[in-house]
Amino acid sequence: MSYQVLARKWRPRKFAELVGQEHVVRALTNALDSGRMHHAYLFTGTRGVGKTTIARIFAKSLNCERGESADPCGECSVCTAVDAGRFVDLLEIDAASNTGVDDVREVIENAQYAPARGRFKVYLVDEVHMLSKPAFNALLKTLEEPPPHVKFLLATTDPQKLPVTVLSRCLRFNLKRLLPDQIGGQIRHILGAEHIEYEDAAIGELARAADGSLRDGLSLLDQAIAYGGGSLKAEDVRAMLGSVERGQVLGLLAALAAGDGEALMAECTRVASYSPDFGSVLDDLAAALHRIQLIQLVPGYRTEANDADDSTLLSLAERMAAEDVQLYYQIATTGRRDLSLAPDARTGFEMALLRMLAFRPSDDAAPAPSGGQRSAAAPVPRPPAPSPSHAAAPPAAARPSASVPPSVPTQEKPAASTAPAAPMSGPLDWEALIQRADLRGPLGQLAQNSALHHRDGHTLVLALQPTYMHLAVEPMVSQIADRISAVMGETVRLRFVSDSQGVAETPAARAASARSAAQSAAEQSIEGDPLVQALKREFGARVVPQSVKPFES
């Protein structure tokens, strides 16, 4: 007997066997049990989540010889014929290869005839979005008012391409992408039934690589069993997928947290020795950073984490500043996107990691205290190279002269511990404190959108737009207060108040005003340019709106 692949052998034959689509099963079960069935159903979702499988089970439920039921017997001649793909009243149409209007006309003409064996004639149209516009038009009338013995089951991975006239005639069910735990659970069940030895770590690798598709997961499982000679081992699966173990990804993050370039490149070499898919490694890096940020900013998340790498993740969360984690995550995701532009994948991967190292907001001599808050006691001066702080700095016209001494470049702010304390005399002082405290990332955004309202003893009262009040939460407020205290030379606390009137002079508002003024000046300069005026007169030219940008030195 020929071998049957796992994805076909273990295809669900009853609604109870489906994984992860309980919302669809419940609706269809209630409709079948109550007899309140629509004439056209649309199943949408990514590949391999059960669209055609659900449609076939539904066809069995309608035509089972033991009666209409949400639980077909699976043993009668109708059920076995549907499972074998030879039930004459279930007509499966691949719209990807039958896109023309003639194909649809044939369906319409045959729909009027009574079913040959069952109670209903069921039309299953797969990838229905591939039908041509004339084919859709030919189908519409029959789809709206089909004969009572006809049911239409449409399946698609791209519902946005369907005409609204088709969507309005169907009951739509959106099938969910499966979670790695759901895919892993089904793989574990199948391996147990097939009496195949496995390692849990291997199942986790396959579940993540399946990317939400159970069918893809089972196809990878077939491949991995063949690769491993009948067993499933994590090392074999990683070699097959071109992935690396979680510990190596965390090793990269540990080198970044330490600011150790040599260690970082050593870890890169170790990862490269496995010939991995570097895009997947960057995905794993972003996933680990996501976990670290949750540990830092979501109270109680530590109790939810329970995998073997928890202690390393907790340690990294304490050593890395929250804004650094955000920066690293952004670089990892953009580096993943730009891999195809690099000379080769390894170069693009290494440059993404080196970018994280080079663009760190600051490197501290002392380890960061608990909670991911960087110590402000002894920051190492940054090299005079372009950095995110330089790129994000407001125009010169928007910066007060007191905020940065003329002799110090904007990317080389003085060390926080040596800056003299400044008296609190006005909102230009608040902007100076923000810059001297080196507040960046989420902390900088919150501070830049605040204005100093007044000082109450050792408390700085800051005005904040009501729409931004949800940002003023722990631990961000405490982290800002600690940074400000360090540069002021005294311990202060921060209190944010909702005030829509007192925030017109925030650093962010002044920067926006300066940008607006520069934009207006640039547009007026272009409009007044003699050459532009001549082009308008002679050729009827016009300046394209929003195409003029002010020059930035």
Protein backbone atom coordinates (compact mmCIF):
# COMPACT_ATOMS: atom_id res chain seq x y z
CA MET A 1 0.00 0.00 0.00
CA SER A 2 1.37 3.42 -0.94
CA TYR A 3 2.33 5.90 1.80
CA GLN A 4 -0.21 8.62 2.59
CA VAL A 5 1.19 11.94 3.73
CA LEU A 6 0.28 13.03 7.23
CA ALA A 7 -1.62 16.14 6.09
CA ARG A 8 -4.07 13.91 4.18
CA LYS A 9 -4.11 10.98 6.57
CA TRP A 10 -4.94 13.21 9.54
CA ARG A 11 -7.34 15.58 7.79
CA PRO A 12 -10.34 16.08 10.15
CA ARG A 13 -13.46 14.16 9.15
CA LYS A 14 -15.76 15.59 11.83
CA PHE A 15 -16.25 19.04 13.29
CA ALA A 16 -15.04 17.73 16.67
CA GLU A 17 -11.63 16.95 15.15
CA LEU A 18 -10.99 20.49 13.91
CA VAL A 19 -8.26 22.51 15.63
CA GLY A 20 -8.58 26.19 16.47
CA GLN A 21 -11.79 27.12 14.60
CA GLU A 22 -14.35 26.75 17.39
CA HIS A 23 -16.22 29.93 16.40
CA VAL A 24 -16.98 28.53 12.93
CA VAL A 25 -17.85 25.05 14.21
CA ARG A 26 -20.30 26.46 16.73
CA ALA A 27 -22.16 28.54 14.13
CA LEU A 28 -22.39 25.70 11.60
CA THR A 29 -23.38 23.16 14.26
CA ASN A 30 -26.24 25.35 15.47
CA ALA A 31 -27.41 25.95 11.89
CA LEU A 32 -27.44 22.22 11.08
CA ASP A 33 -29.15 21.20 14.32
CA SER A 34 -31.85 23.86 13.97
CA GLY A 35 -32.34 23.48 10.21
CA ARG A 36 -31.68 27.20 9.65
CA MET A 37 -29.13 26.92 6.87
CA HIS A 38 -28.08 29.65 4.48
CA HIS A 39 -27.70 28.89 0.80
CA ALA A 40 -24.18 30.39 0.42
CA TYR A 41 -21.22 30.34 2.80
CA LEU A 42 -17.84 32.06 2.40
CA PHE A 43 -14.81 30.72 4.30
CA THR A 44 -11.77 33.01 4.40
CA GLY A 45 -8.32 32.62 5.89
CA THR A 46 -4.69 31.87 5.16
CA ARG A 47 -3.61 28.58 3.60
CA GLY A 48 -3.86 25.39 5.58
CA VAL A 49 -6.26 26.48 8.34
CA GLY A 50 -9.23 24.28 7.32
CA LYS A 51 -11.35 26.13 4.74
CA THR A 52 -11.97 23.24 2.32
CA THR A 53 -11.93 20.72 5.16
CA ILE A 54 -14.83 22.50 6.88
CA ALA A 55 -16.68 22.71 3.56
CA ARG A 56 -16.35 18.93 3.02
CA ILE A 57 -17.52 18.11 6.55
CA PHE A 58 -20.48 20.45 5.99
CA ALA A 59 -21.32 18.59 2.75
CA LYS A 60 -21.27 15.27 4.67
CA SER A 61 -23.50 16.74 7.37
CA LEU A 62 -26.07 17.79 4.78
CA ASN A 63 -26.17 14.45 2.93
CA CYS A 64 -25.37 11.77 5.52
CA GLU A 65 -27.71 8.78 5.02
CA ARG A 66 -28.55 8.81 8.75
CA GLY A 67 -30.00 12.31 8.45
CA GLU A 68 -28.89 15.93 8.52
CA SER A 69 -26.68 16.42 11.54
CA ALA A 70 -23.65 18.31 12.74
CA ASP A 71 -22.14 14.89 13.54
CA PRO A 72 -22.18 12.80 10.32
CA CYS A 73 -21.70 9.08 10.85
CA GLY A 74 -18.59 8.79 8.67
CA GLU A 75 -19.55 5.21 7.79
CA CYS A 76 -22.39 5.35 5.27
CA SER A 77 -21.79 5.30 1.53
CA VAL A 78 -22.24 9.10 1.28
CA CYS A 79 -19.73 9.89 4.05
CA THR A 80 -17.13 7.49 2.72
CA ALA A 81 -17.61 8.82 -0.82
CA VAL A 82 -17.10 12.41 0.35
CA ASP A 83 -13.96 11.41 2.28
CA ALA A 84 -12.62 9.65 -0.81
CA GLY A 85 -13.39 12.65 -3.04
CA ARG A 86 -15.86 10.78 -5.28
CA PHE A 87 -19.30 11.91 -4.08
CA VAL A 88 -21.17 12.86 -7.23
CA ASP A 89 -23.23 15.66 -5.61
CA LEU A 90 -20.19 17.44 -4.17
CA LEU A 91 -18.73 19.40 -7.07
CA GLU A 92 -15.33 20.91 -6.24
CA ILE A 93 -14.24 23.69 -8.57
CA ASP A 94 -10.74 25.15 -8.58
CA ALA A 95 -11.33 28.78 -9.53
CA ALA A 96 -7.61 29.29 -10.07
CA SER A 97 -7.75 27.10 -13.18
CA ASN A 98 -11.42 27.58 -14.11
CA THR A 99 -11.70 31.35 -14.19
CA GLY A 100 -13.77 31.92 -17.31
CA VAL A 101 -17.42 32.72 -17.74
CA ASP A 102 -18.00 29.49 -19.67
CA ASP A 103 -16.97 27.42 -16.65
CA VAL A 104 -19.46 29.30 -14.47
CA ARG A 105 -22.26 28.95 -17.03
CA GLU A 106 -21.80 25.18 -16.91
CA VAL A 107 -22.21 25.28 -13.13
CA ILE A 108 -25.34 27.39 -13.42
CA GLU A 109 -26.92 25.11 -16.01
CA ASN A 110 -26.26 21.99 -13.92
CA ALA A 111 -27.51 23.59 -10.69
CA GLN A 112 -31.16 23.32 -11.78
CA TYR A 113 -31.06 19.53 -11.86
CA ALA A 114 -31.84 17.56 -8.72
CA PRO A 115 -28.98 15.81 -6.87
CA ALA A 116 -28.19 12.28 -8.01
CA ARG A 117 -27.64 10.61 -4.59
CA GLY A 118 -27.89 13.05 -1.72
CA ARG A 119 -30.41 15.59 -0.46
CA PHE A 120 -28.33 18.60 -1.59
CA LYS A 121 -26.05 19.42 -4.48
CA VAL A 122 -23.06 21.20 -2.95
CA TYR A 123 -20.76 23.43 -4.99
CA LEU A 124 -17.37 23.98 -3.36
CA VAL A 125 -15.50 26.79 -5.18
CA ASP A 126 -11.90 27.04 -3.97
CA GLU A 127 -9.89 30.29 -4.39
CA VAL A 128 -13.07 31.95 -5.60
CA HIS A 129 -11.34 35.36 -5.81
CA MET A 130 -9.58 34.11 -8.96
CA LEU A 131 -12.79 34.16 -11.02
CA SER A 132 -12.92 36.81 -13.74
CA LYS A 133 -15.36 39.72 -13.54
CA PRO A 134 -17.67 38.27 -16.26
CA ALA A 135 -17.67 34.95 -14.36
CA PHE A 136 -18.72 36.71 -11.14
CA ASN A 137 -21.50 38.52 -12.99
CA ALA A 138 -22.76 35.23 -14.43
CA LEU A 139 -22.78 33.65 -10.96
CA LEU A 140 -24.56 36.45 -9.11
CA LYS A 141 -28.17 35.64 -9.96
CA THR A 142 -27.88 31.95 -9.13
CA LEU A 143 -25.88 32.79 -5.99
CA GLU A 144 -28.69 35.05 -4.80
CA GLU A 145 -31.62 32.76 -5.62
CA PRO A 146 -30.37 29.19 -6.07
CA PRO A 147 -32.70 26.18 -6.32
CA PRO A 148 -33.67 24.82 -2.86
CA HIS A 149 -31.50 21.73 -3.32
CA VAL A 150 -28.27 23.73 -3.96
CA LYS A 151 -25.70 25.03 -1.46
CA PHE A 152 -22.68 27.15 -2.38
CA LEU A 153 -19.51 26.89 -0.28
CA LEU A 154 -16.87 29.43 -1.33
CA ALA A 155 -13.30 29.47 -0.02
CA THR A 156 -10.62 32.14 -0.50
CA THR A 157 -7.32 33.35 0.91
CA ASP A 158 -7.91 36.89 -0.42
CA PRO A 159 -11.46 38.11 0.32
CA GLN A 160 -10.52 41.73 -0.52
CA LYS A 161 -10.59 40.78 -4.20
CA LEU A 162 -14.20 39.60 -4.08
CA PRO A 163 -16.89 41.99 -5.40
CA VAL A 164 -19.13 43.39 -2.69
CA THR A 165 -22.09 41.99 -4.62
CA VAL A 166 -20.77 38.48 -3.90
CA LEU A 167 -19.87 39.23 -0.28
CA SER A 168 -23.37 40.53 0.43
CA ARG A 169 -24.93 37.26 -0.75
CA CYS A 170 -22.91 34.99 1.56
CA LEU A 171 -22.55 34.23 5.23
CA ARG A 172 -18.87 34.92 5.89
CA PHE A 173 -16.67 33.02 8.34
CA ASN A 174 -13.12 34.19 8.98
CA LEU A 175 -10.87 31.28 9.93
CA LYS A 176 -8.06 32.12 12.35
CA ARG A 177 -4.37 31.48 11.97
CA LEU A 178 -3.48 28.71 14.41
CA LEU A 179 -1.24 29.44 17.38
CA PRO A 180 2.06 27.55 17.77
CA ASP A 181 0.65 25.79 20.85
CA GLN A 182 -2.35 24.53 18.85
CA ILE A 183 -0.17 23.26 16.00
CA GLY A 184 2.30 21.74 18.45
CA GLY A 185 -0.49 19.94 20.31
CA GLN A 186 -1.79 18.35 17.12
CA ILE A 187 1.72 17.34 16.03
CA ARG A 188 2.30 15.74 19.44
CA HIS A 189 -0.99 13.83 19.16
CA ILE A 190 -0.13 12.55 15.67
CA LEU A 191 3.38 11.47 16.69
CA GLY A 192 1.97 9.53 19.61
CA ALA A 193 -0.58 7.77 17.38
CA GLU A 194 2.10 7.00 14.79
CA HIS A 195 4.49 5.69 17.51
CA ILE A 196 7.30 8.05 16.46
CA GLU A 197 9.91 9.17 18.99
CA TYR A 198 10.32 12.93 19.34
CA GLU A 199 11.88 15.76 21.34
CA ASP A 200 9.63 18.55 22.61
CA ALA A 201 12.04 21.20 21.35
CA ALA A 202 11.68 19.78 17.83
CA ILE A 203 7.91 20.14 17.98
CA GLY A 204 8.30 23.77 19.06
CA GLU A 205 10.56 24.49 16.10
CA LEU A 206 8.06 22.96 13.64
CA ALA A 207 5.09 24.75 15.22
CA ARG A 208 6.79 28.14 14.88
CA ALA A 209 7.93 27.41 11.31
CA ALA A 210 4.36 26.46 10.30
CA ASP A 211 3.43 30.16 10.57
CA GLY A 212 -0.20 29.58 11.55
CA SER A 213 -0.92 26.81 9.02
CA LEU A 214 -1.55 23.30 10.37
CA ARG A 215 -1.19 21.81 6.88
CA ASP A 216 2.23 23.44 6.51
CA GLY A 217 3.15 22.14 9.95
CA LEU A 218 2.25 18.56 9.00
CA SER A 219 4.11 18.85 5.69
CA LEU A 220 7.19 20.00 7.60
CA LEU A 221 6.66 17.14 10.04
CA ASP A 222 6.72 14.64 7.17
CA GLN A 223 9.93 16.22 5.90
CA ALA A 224 11.54 16.23 9.35
CA ILE A 225 10.72 12.55 9.99
CA ALA A 226 12.33 11.64 6.68
CA TYR A 227 15.34 13.85 7.47
CA GLY A 228 15.77 12.26 10.88
CA GLY A 229 15.43 8.68 9.66
CA GLY A 230 12.13 7.98 11.41
CA SER A 231 12.58 10.06 14.57
CA LEU A 232 12.19 13.72 15.41
CA LYS A 233 15.15 15.49 17.02
CA ALA A 234 15.54 19.21 17.63
CA GLU A 235 19.03 19.36 16.14
CA ASP A 236 17.84 17.68 12.92
CA VAL A 237 14.82 19.99 12.66
CA ARG A 238 16.96 23.11 13.11
CA ALA A 239 19.38 21.88 10.45
CA MET A 240 16.48 21.18 8.08
CA LEU A 241 14.80 24.55 8.70
CA GLY A 242 18.01 26.56 8.84
CA SER A 243 17.10 27.86 12.30
CA VAL A 244 19.12 28.26 15.49
CA GLU A 245 18.30 27.42 19.08
CA ARG A 246 16.90 30.08 21.39
CA GLY A 247 20.04 30.16 23.53
CA GLN A 248 22.12 31.44 20.61
CA VAL A 249 19.66 34.29 20.01
CA LEU A 250 19.86 35.23 23.68
CA GLY A 251 23.66 35.13 23.41
CA LEU A 252 23.45 37.84 20.75
CA LEU A 253 21.28 39.97 23.06
CA ALA A 254 23.64 39.44 26.00
CA ALA A 255 26.55 40.75 23.91
CA LEU A 256 24.45 43.78 22.91
CA ALA A 257 23.46 44.45 26.51
CA ALA A 258 27.13 44.43 27.47
CA GLY A 259 28.08 46.68 24.56
CA ASP A 260 30.77 44.13 23.64
CA GLY A 261 31.46 44.27 19.90
CA GLU A 262 33.96 41.39 19.94
CA ALA A 263 31.55 39.10 21.76
CA LEU A 264 28.76 40.14 19.39
CA MET A 265 30.77 39.20 16.28
CA ALA A 266 31.83 35.93 17.92
CA GLU A 267 28.16 35.09 18.47
CA CYS A 268 27.41 36.05 14.84
CA THR A 269 30.12 33.66 13.65
CA ARG A 270 28.73 30.89 15.84
CA VAL A 271 25.21 31.45 14.43
CA ALA A 272 26.52 31.56 10.85
CA SER A 273 28.25 28.20 11.31
CA TYR A 274 24.79 26.56 11.27
CA SER A 275 24.02 28.07 7.82
CA PRO A 276 20.70 29.41 9.11
CA ASP A 277 17.98 31.43 7.46
CA PHE A 278 19.18 34.82 8.70
CA GLY A 279 15.74 36.32 8.25
CA SER A 280 14.34 33.75 10.68
CA VAL A 281 17.12 34.54 13.15
CA LEU A 282 16.12 38.22 13.06
CA ASP A 283 12.49 37.14 13.59
CA ASP A 284 13.56 35.13 16.65
CA LEU A 285 15.56 38.12 17.87
CA ALA A 286 12.50 40.38 17.57
CA ALA A 287 10.36 37.79 19.40
CA ALA A 288 12.85 37.64 22.28
CA LEU A 289 12.92 41.45 22.49
CA HIS A 290 9.12 41.44 22.64
CA ARG A 291 9.25 39.10 25.62
CA ILE A 292 11.88 41.26 27.33
CA GLN A 293 9.78 44.40 26.88
CA LEU A 294 6.71 42.66 28.33
CA ILE A 295 8.73 41.65 31.39
CA GLN A 296 9.91 45.26 31.78
CA LEU A 297 6.64 47.14 31.25
CA VAL A 298 3.76 44.76 32.08
CA PRO A 299 3.41 44.13 35.82
CA GLY A 300 2.97 40.45 36.63
CA TYR A 301 4.14 39.18 33.24
CA ARG A 302 7.11 37.41 34.87
CA THR A 303 4.73 34.93 36.48
CA GLU A 304 3.31 34.02 33.07
CA ALA A 305 6.70 33.20 31.52
CA ASN A 306 7.71 29.62 32.20
CA ASP A 307 10.06 28.34 29.49
CA ALA A 308 13.63 27.21 30.06
CA ASP A 309 15.09 30.58 29.06
CA ASP A 310 13.16 32.63 31.62
CA SER A 311 16.13 33.34 33.86
CA THR A 312 18.15 34.67 30.92
CA LEU A 313 15.24 36.81 29.74
CA LEU A 314 14.74 38.21 33.24
CA SER A 315 18.45 39.03 33.49
CA LEU A 316 18.42 40.80 30.12
CA ALA A 317 15.29 42.74 31.12
CA GLU A 318 17.14 44.08 34.16
CA ARG A 319 20.32 44.95 32.24
CA MET A 320 18.73 46.62 29.19
CA ALA A 321 16.96 49.98 29.18
CA ALA A 322 13.37 49.87 27.96
CA GLU A 323 14.03 52.39 25.19
CA ASP A 324 17.01 50.33 23.99
CA VAL A 325 14.74 47.31 23.63
CA GLN A 326 12.38 49.37 21.46
CA LEU A 327 15.29 50.52 19.31
CA TYR A 328 16.68 46.99 18.90
CA TYR A 329 13.23 45.66 17.97
CA GLN A 330 12.78 48.29 15.29
CA ILE A 331 16.23 47.59 13.83
CA ALA A 332 15.57 43.83 13.84
CA THR A 333 12.28 44.17 11.94
CA THR A 334 13.61 46.69 9.41
CA GLY A 335 16.79 44.60 9.01
CA ARG A 336 14.59 41.59 8.23
CA ARG A 337 12.81 43.58 5.56
CA ASP A 338 16.04 44.89 4.03
CA LEU A 339 17.94 41.58 3.88
CA SER A 340 17.25 41.24 0.15
CA LEU A 341 19.02 44.58 -0.45
CA ALA A 342 22.25 43.51 1.26
CA PRO A 343 25.22 42.11 -0.71
CA ASP A 344 24.45 38.78 0.96
CA ALA A 345 22.22 37.61 3.81
CA ARG A 346 25.02 37.26 6.38
CA THR A 347 26.26 40.79 5.70
CA GLY A 348 22.77 42.19 6.12
CA PHE A 349 22.33 40.23 9.34
CA GLU A 350 25.63 41.38 10.82
CA MET A 351 24.99 45.00 9.81
CA ALA A 352 21.62 44.93 11.57
CA LEU A 353 23.33 43.82 14.79
CA LEU A 354 26.14 46.33 14.36
CA ARG A 355 23.52 49.02 13.84
CA MET A 356 22.01 48.11 17.21
CA LEU A 357 25.46 48.42 18.78
CA ALA A 358 26.35 51.71 17.06
CA PHE A 359 23.01 53.42 17.66
CA ARG A 360 22.69 52.64 21.34
CA PRO A 361 21.43 55.83 23.04
CA SER A 362 24.28 55.49 25.55
CA ASP A 363 26.81 52.98 26.90
CA ASP A 364 27.09 52.87 30.68
CA ALA A 365 30.18 51.90 32.64
CA ALA A 366 28.02 50.60 35.48
CA PRO A 367 25.43 47.83 34.93
CA ALA A 368 21.84 49.01 34.63
CA PRO A 369 19.77 48.77 37.82
CA SER A 370 16.75 46.49 38.21
CA GLY A 371 13.82 47.23 35.92
CA GLY A 372 15.83 48.08 32.85
CA GLN A 373 16.67 51.64 33.99
CA ARG A 374 20.08 52.84 32.80
CA SER A 375 22.34 54.46 35.37
CA ALA A 376 23.01 58.12 34.69
CA ALA A 377 26.15 58.23 36.83
CA ALA A 378 28.86 57.65 34.24
CA PRO A 379 27.76 57.54 30.59
CA VAL A 380 30.51 57.07 28.03
CA PRO A 381 30.67 59.97 25.52
CA ARG A 382 29.29 59.03 22.12
CA PRO A 383 31.46 59.29 19.01
CA PRO A 384 30.73 62.20 16.66
CA ALA A 385 28.82 60.02 14.20
CA PRO A 386 25.18 60.26 13.03
CA SER A 387 22.85 58.80 15.59
CA PRO A 388 19.10 58.50 16.17
CA SER A 389 19.28 61.49 18.50
CA HIS A 390 20.81 63.61 15.77
CA ALA A 391 18.29 62.46 13.19
CA ALA A 392 15.35 63.13 15.49
CA ALA A 393 16.51 66.51 16.79
CA PRO A 394 14.16 69.45 16.10
CA PRO A 395 15.26 72.20 13.70
CA ALA A 396 17.75 74.71 15.04
CA ALA A 397 15.12 77.45 15.12
CA ALA A 398 13.05 75.37 17.51
CA ARG A 399 15.87 74.80 20.03
CA PRO A 400 16.59 77.37 22.73
CA SER A 401 20.16 78.54 22.95
CA ALA A 402 20.36 77.47 26.60
CA SER A 403 19.58 73.81 25.88
CA VAL A 404 22.92 72.89 24.24
CA PRO A 405 26.13 74.90 24.69
CA PRO A 406 27.34 76.26 21.34
CA SER A 407 30.71 74.53 21.75
CA VAL A 408 29.16 71.05 22.16
CA PRO A 409 27.82 69.22 19.07
CA THR A 410 24.24 67.95 19.41
CA GLN A 411 25.43 64.34 19.38
CA GLU A 412 27.99 64.97 22.14
CA LYS A 413 26.06 66.16 25.17
CA PRO A 414 28.06 66.63 28.40
CA ALA A 415 28.08 63.84 30.95
CA ALA A 416 25.01 63.99 33.19
CA SER A 417 27.03 63.76 36.39
CA THR A 418 29.10 66.90 35.63
CA ALA A 419 26.27 69.17 34.42
CA PRO A 420 25.54 72.01 36.86
CA ALA A 421 22.12 72.12 38.40
CA ALA A 422 19.85 74.76 36.85
CA PRO A 423 17.21 76.81 38.63
CA MET A 424 13.65 76.10 37.52
CA SER A 425 12.64 79.39 35.94
CA GLY A 426 10.59 78.48 32.86
CA PRO A 427 9.60 75.94 30.17
CA LEU A 428 12.89 76.44 28.24
CA ASP A 429 14.56 74.96 31.38
CA TRP A 430 12.33 71.81 31.04
CA GLU A 431 13.55 71.24 27.48
CA ALA A 432 17.14 71.70 28.65
CA LEU A 433 16.61 69.08 31.35
CA ILE A 434 15.18 66.63 28.79
CA GLN A 435 18.25 66.99 26.60
CA ARG A 436 20.74 66.84 29.47
CA ALA A 437 19.01 63.76 30.92
CA ASP A 438 19.31 62.11 27.50
CA LEU A 439 15.65 61.07 27.47
CA ARG A 440 14.91 59.11 24.33
CA GLY A 441 12.49 56.52 23.02
CA PRO A 442 9.17 56.22 24.91
CA LEU A 443 10.57 58.22 27.85
CA GLY A 444 11.58 61.06 25.53
CA GLN A 445 8.20 61.07 23.79
CA LEU A 446 6.36 61.44 27.10
CA ALA A 447 8.72 64.20 28.30
CA GLN A 448 8.72 66.09 24.98
CA ASN A 449 4.91 66.27 25.03
CA SER A 450 4.84 67.69 28.57
CA ALA A 451 5.24 71.26 29.83
CA LEU A 452 6.45 72.39 33.26
CA HIS A 453 3.38 73.70 35.06
CA HIS A 454 5.00 74.59 38.39
CA ARG A 455 7.27 73.26 41.12
CA ASP A 456 5.84 72.15 44.46
CA GLY A 457 8.76 71.51 46.82
CA HIS A 458 10.58 68.48 45.45
CA THR A 459 7.77 67.71 43.00
CA LEU A 460 7.73 68.94 39.39
CA VAL A 461 4.14 69.26 38.21
CA LEU A 462 3.93 68.67 34.44
CA ALA A 463 0.99 69.55 32.21
CA LEU A 464 -0.03 66.91 29.69
CA GLN A 465 -2.73 66.79 27.03
CA PRO A 466 -5.68 64.62 28.21
CA THR A 467 -5.18 62.39 25.17
CA TYR A 468 -1.64 61.57 26.38
CA MET A 469 -2.46 60.92 30.04
CA HIS A 470 -2.57 57.15 29.52
CA LEU A 471 1.19 57.27 28.81
CA ALA A 472 2.07 58.67 32.25
CA VAL A 473 2.30 55.28 33.98
CA GLU A 474 4.90 53.31 35.90
CA PRO A 475 7.70 52.47 35.41
CA MET A 476 8.12 55.25 32.84
CA VAL A 477 7.35 58.10 35.25
CA SER A 478 9.87 56.80 37.82
CA GLN A 479 12.54 56.34 35.15
CA ILE A 480 12.10 59.93 33.92
CA ALA A 481 12.20 61.21 37.51
CA ASP A 482 15.44 59.35 38.21
CA ARG A 483 17.09 60.76 35.08
CA ILE A 484 15.96 64.32 35.87
CA SER A 485 17.10 63.96 39.48
CA ALA A 486 20.56 62.92 38.32
CA VAL A 487 21.09 66.02 36.17
CA MET A 488 19.54 68.41 38.72
CA GLY A 489 21.69 67.08 41.54
CA GLU A 490 18.68 66.56 43.82
CA THR A 491 15.93 64.02 44.18
CA VAL A 492 12.68 65.15 42.59
CA ARG A 493 9.39 63.51 41.85
CA LEU A 494 7.13 64.04 38.86
CA ARG A 495 3.39 64.52 38.85
CA PHE A 496 1.47 64.74 35.58
CA VAL A 497 -1.79 66.69 35.43
CA SER A 498 -4.32 66.75 32.62
CA ASP A 499 -4.29 70.27 31.17
CA SER A 500 -5.29 71.02 27.57
CA GLN A 501 -4.55 74.78 28.00
CA GLY A 502 -1.08 74.71 29.56
CA VAL A 503 0.69 72.50 27.03
CA ALA A 504 1.02 74.88 24.09
CA GLU A 505 4.70 75.40 24.88
CA THR A 506 5.84 71.79 25.09
CA PRO A 507 9.14 70.97 23.35
CA ALA A 508 7.21 68.83 20.88
CA ALA A 509 4.77 71.66 20.12
CA ARG A 510 7.60 74.16 19.57
CA ALA A 511 9.42 71.73 17.30
CA ALA A 512 6.23 71.18 15.29
CA SER A 513 5.69 74.94 15.03
CA ALA A 514 9.26 75.41 13.81
CA ARG A 515 8.80 72.69 11.20
CA SER A 516 5.58 74.30 10.03
CA ALA A 517 7.25 77.69 9.74
CA ALA A 518 10.15 76.21 7.81
CA GLN A 519 7.73 74.45 5.47
CA SER A 520 5.80 77.67 4.81
CA ALA A 521 9.02 79.57 4.16
CA ALA A 522 10.20 76.90 1.73
CA GLU A 523 6.91 76.95 -0.17
CA GLN A 524 6.95 80.76 -0.38
CA SER A 525 10.55 80.67 -1.58
CA ILE A 526 9.68 78.25 -4.39
CA GLU A 527 6.60 80.19 -5.42
CA GLY A 528 8.63 83.41 -5.56
CA ASP A 529 11.52 81.91 -7.52
CA PRO A 530 11.89 83.67 -10.93
CA LEU A 531 12.53 80.39 -12.76
CA VAL A 532 9.43 78.78 -11.30
CA GLN A 533 7.36 81.82 -12.25
CA ALA A 534 8.74 81.68 -15.79
CA LEU A 535 7.86 77.98 -16.10
CA LYS A 536 4.33 78.75 -14.96
CA ARG A 537 3.93 81.52 -17.53
CA GLU A 538 5.50 79.73 -20.50
CA PHE A 539 4.39 76.14 -19.97
CA GLY A 540 1.49 76.29 -17.55
CA ALA A 541 3.57 74.46 -14.94
CA ARG A 542 2.45 74.11 -11.34
CA VAL A 543 4.12 73.19 -8.10
CA VAL A 544 2.94 69.80 -6.88
CA PRO A 545 1.47 70.16 -3.37
CA GLN A 546 3.54 68.58 -0.57
CA SER A 547 6.51 68.13 -2.93
CA VAL A 548 8.44 71.04 -1.44
CA LYS A 549 10.55 70.25 1.60
CA PRO A 550 12.66 72.70 3.62
CA PHE A 551 16.40 72.27 3.45
CA GLU A 552 17.88 70.59 6.53
CA SER A 553 21.54 71.18 7.26
